[in-house]
Amino acid sequence: MNRRTVLGLTTTALLCTGVLFSASHAPAQKKSLKDQAVGTWTFVSSTGKRADGSPNWGSNPKGLLILTDNGRYSIQIMRSDRPKYASNNRLKGTAAEHQSTVEGVISNFGSYSIDEAKKTITMRFEGSSFPNQEGATQERPLTIAGDELRYTNPSPTIGGPATDLIWRRAK
């Protein structure tokens, strides 16, 4: 092998190595906000307060938020301290049992879209345990950091100021 061939092969090898090294160490492309949001999330907490100052969802709330990749969502949030119905029949509950259920549960579903530039999620309510939401559209500021999703509900169904809700990615 002559000197020119060896030099050419060495240069080619260095270039290939550099290209491979650059490609393998290139920064990972950041996922879009929507791609990060898609999935199942469990309810952690809310800043919502009742008139007496207690947390709206109690001390150990339960909830689930599902965001699908085709723009559908479902949300359920409930207090864990709701009393069981003595009759074991939801149609035969007492006035107090029904009141506890209505005040301690919110559930809705519909479609959603995410505006990457504004960092918002817009929910279109198709069905809700609070009928006044049905047919409404609501834009909410949205952030996702690791396994935590947060959004602000500008008009909570219990009235009062905007409420921040925190969710954790379900494992």
Protein backbone atom coordinates (compact mmCIF):
# COMPACT_ATOMS: atom_id res chain seq x y z
CA MET A 1 0.00 0.00 0.00
CA ASN A 2 1.39 3.38 -0.86
CA ARG A 3 1.50 6.43 1.35
CA ARG A 4 -1.41 8.14 -0.48
CA THR A 5 -3.73 5.11 0.00
CA VAL A 6 -2.89 4.84 3.71
CA LEU A 7 -3.48 8.58 4.18
CA GLY A 8 -6.81 8.35 2.32
CA LEU A 9 -7.99 5.36 4.36
CA THR A 10 -6.96 7.03 7.61
CA THR A 11 -8.78 10.24 6.70
CA THR A 12 -11.91 8.27 5.70
CA ALA A 13 -11.80 6.29 8.96
CA LEU A 14 -11.48 9.47 11.02
CA LEU A 15 -14.35 11.12 9.18
CA CYS A 16 -16.60 8.08 9.64
CA THR A 17 -15.69 7.86 13.30
CA GLY A 18 -16.44 11.56 13.72
CA VAL A 19 -19.81 11.23 12.02
CA LEU A 20 -20.72 8.21 14.15
CA PHE A 21 -19.50 9.93 17.30
CA SER A 22 -21.50 13.08 16.49
CA ALA A 23 -24.66 11.11 15.72
CA SER A 24 -24.44 9.02 18.89
CA HIS A 25 -23.85 12.07 21.08
CA ALA A 26 -26.33 14.38 19.43
CA PRO A 27 -28.77 15.84 21.96
CA ALA A 28 -32.03 13.88 22.10
CA GLN A 29 -34.82 15.65 20.31
CA LYS A 30 -37.25 17.02 22.87
CA LYS A 31 -40.74 15.54 22.75
CA SER A 32 -43.63 17.87 22.02
CA LEU A 33 -45.87 18.88 24.92
CA LYS A 34 -48.65 16.71 23.47
CA ASP A 35 -46.36 13.68 23.20
CA GLN A 36 -45.34 14.20 26.82
CA ALA A 37 -48.98 14.56 27.93
CA VAL A 38 -50.36 11.43 26.28
CA GLY A 39 -50.90 8.67 28.82
CA THR A 40 -52.51 7.95 32.16
CA TRP A 41 -52.03 10.22 35.15
CA THR A 42 -53.07 9.81 38.81
CA PHE A 43 -54.37 12.74 40.82
CA VAL A 44 -51.99 14.12 43.44
CA SER A 45 -53.48 17.38 44.72
CA SER A 46 -55.20 20.65 44.03
CA THR A 47 -55.01 24.16 45.43
CA GLY A 48 -58.83 24.29 45.52
CA LYS A 49 -60.34 25.16 48.88
CA ARG A 50 -63.87 24.96 50.23
CA ALA A 51 -65.58 27.90 51.92
CA ASP A 52 -64.27 26.73 55.31
CA GLY A 53 -60.68 26.67 53.98
CA SER A 54 -60.35 22.88 53.88
CA PRO A 55 -58.94 21.19 50.75
CA ASN A 56 -61.66 20.66 48.16
CA TRP A 57 -60.67 17.03 47.56
CA GLY A 58 -59.85 16.12 51.17
CA SER A 59 -56.56 14.82 52.52
CA ASN A 60 -56.29 11.68 50.37
CA PRO A 61 -57.95 12.37 47.00
CA LYS A 62 -58.29 9.81 44.22
CA GLY A 63 -58.36 10.52 40.53
CA LEU A 64 -57.37 9.56 37.04
CA LEU A 65 -56.68 11.60 33.91
CA ILE A 66 -56.36 9.80 30.59
CA LEU A 67 -55.09 11.67 27.52
CA THR A 68 -55.08 9.64 24.31
CA ASP A 69 -52.88 10.26 21.29
CA ASN A 70 -55.95 10.92 19.12
CA GLY A 71 -57.16 13.87 21.25
CA ARG A 72 -59.65 12.25 23.65
CA TYR A 73 -59.61 12.65 27.43
CA SER A 74 -61.35 11.39 30.55
CA ILE A 75 -61.05 12.78 34.10
CA GLN A 76 -62.35 11.51 37.42
CA ILE A 77 -61.52 13.11 40.77
CA MET A 78 -63.09 12.17 44.09
CA ARG A 79 -62.72 12.57 47.80
CA SER A 80 -61.70 9.34 49.52
CA ASP A 81 -63.71 10.18 52.66
CA ARG A 82 -67.18 9.92 51.05
CA PRO A 83 -69.46 7.75 53.22
CA LYS A 84 -70.74 4.47 51.81
CA TYR A 85 -74.48 4.25 51.13
CA ALA A 86 -76.27 2.38 53.91
CA SER A 87 -78.70 0.82 51.40
CA ASN A 88 -75.84 -0.37 49.12
CA ASN A 89 -77.96 1.04 46.27
CA ARG A 90 -77.04 4.39 44.68
CA LEU A 91 -80.67 5.00 43.70
CA LYS A 92 -81.80 4.65 47.32
CA GLY A 93 -79.24 6.86 49.03
CA THR A 94 -80.23 9.38 51.65
CA ALA A 95 -80.16 13.11 50.93
CA ALA A 96 -76.88 13.37 52.90
CA GLU A 97 -75.32 10.47 50.97
CA HIS A 98 -76.30 12.01 47.63
CA GLN A 99 -74.99 15.41 48.71
CA SER A 100 -71.66 13.87 49.72
CA THR A 101 -71.39 12.20 46.32
CA VAL A 102 -72.24 15.33 44.35
CA GLU A 103 -69.86 17.50 46.38
CA GLY A 104 -67.09 14.90 46.43
CA VAL A 105 -66.86 13.83 42.78
CA ILE A 106 -66.18 15.47 39.43
CA SER A 107 -66.00 13.44 36.27
CA ASN A 108 -65.91 14.58 32.67
CA PHE A 109 -64.78 13.48 29.23
CA GLY A 110 -64.43 14.86 25.74
CA SER A 111 -61.74 15.98 23.35
CA TYR A 112 -58.63 18.06 23.89
CA SER A 113 -55.93 19.87 21.97
CA ILE A 114 -52.59 21.26 23.07
CA ASP A 115 -51.16 24.56 21.85
CA GLU A 116 -47.39 24.08 21.93
CA ALA A 117 -46.63 27.80 21.58
CA LYS A 118 -49.01 28.96 24.33
CA LYS A 119 -48.37 25.86 26.50
CA THR A 120 -52.07 25.31 27.05
CA ILE A 121 -54.51 22.42 26.92
CA THR A 122 -58.02 23.15 25.63
CA MET A 123 -60.73 20.78 26.81
CA ARG A 124 -64.07 20.41 25.08
CA PHE A 125 -66.53 18.93 27.57
CA GLU A 126 -68.87 16.38 26.01
CA GLY A 127 -70.15 14.87 29.25
CA SER A 128 -69.73 15.83 32.90
CA SER A 129 -71.06 14.95 36.32
CA PHE A 130 -71.56 18.73 36.56
CA PRO A 131 -74.03 19.30 33.68
CA ASN A 132 -73.16 23.00 33.36
CA GLN A 133 -69.81 21.99 31.80
CA GLU A 134 -71.36 20.03 28.95
CA GLY A 135 -70.79 21.75 25.61
CA ALA A 136 -68.27 24.18 27.10
CA THR A 137 -64.66 24.66 26.05
CA GLN A 138 -61.95 25.66 28.49
CA GLU A 139 -58.30 26.60 27.94
CA ARG A 140 -55.91 25.77 30.77
CA PRO A 141 -52.19 26.64 31.16
CA LEU A 142 -50.21 23.36 31.14
CA THR A 143 -46.74 22.32 32.29
CA ILE A 144 -45.06 18.93 32.35
CA ALA A 145 -41.84 18.26 34.22
CA GLY A 146 -40.71 14.65 34.26
CA ASP A 147 -43.56 12.56 35.64
CA GLU A 148 -45.58 15.56 36.86
CA LEU A 149 -48.34 17.27 34.88
CA ARG A 150 -49.89 20.52 36.14
CA TYR A 151 -52.64 22.67 34.77
CA THR A 152 -54.69 25.58 36.04
CA ASN A 153 -58.47 25.40 35.97
CA PRO A 154 -59.56 29.03 35.50
CA SER A 155 -63.15 28.44 36.66
CA PRO A 156 -63.56 25.61 39.18
CA THR A 157 -67.02 24.02 39.41
CA ILE A 158 -67.20 25.03 43.10
CA GLY A 159 -66.58 28.68 42.23
CA GLY A 160 -63.76 30.75 43.62
CA PRO A 161 -60.34 31.55 42.20
CA ALA A 162 -58.41 29.53 39.62
CA THR A 163 -57.19 26.18 40.91
CA ASP A 164 -53.94 24.35 40.14
CA LEU A 165 -54.22 20.58 39.74
CA ILE A 166 -51.23 18.25 39.96
CA TRP A 167 -51.05 14.80 38.39
CA ARG A 168 -48.36 12.08 38.43
CA ARG A 169 -47.75 9.71 35.53
CA ALA A 170 -49.27 6.31 36.36
CA LYS A 171 -46.70 3.52 36.55
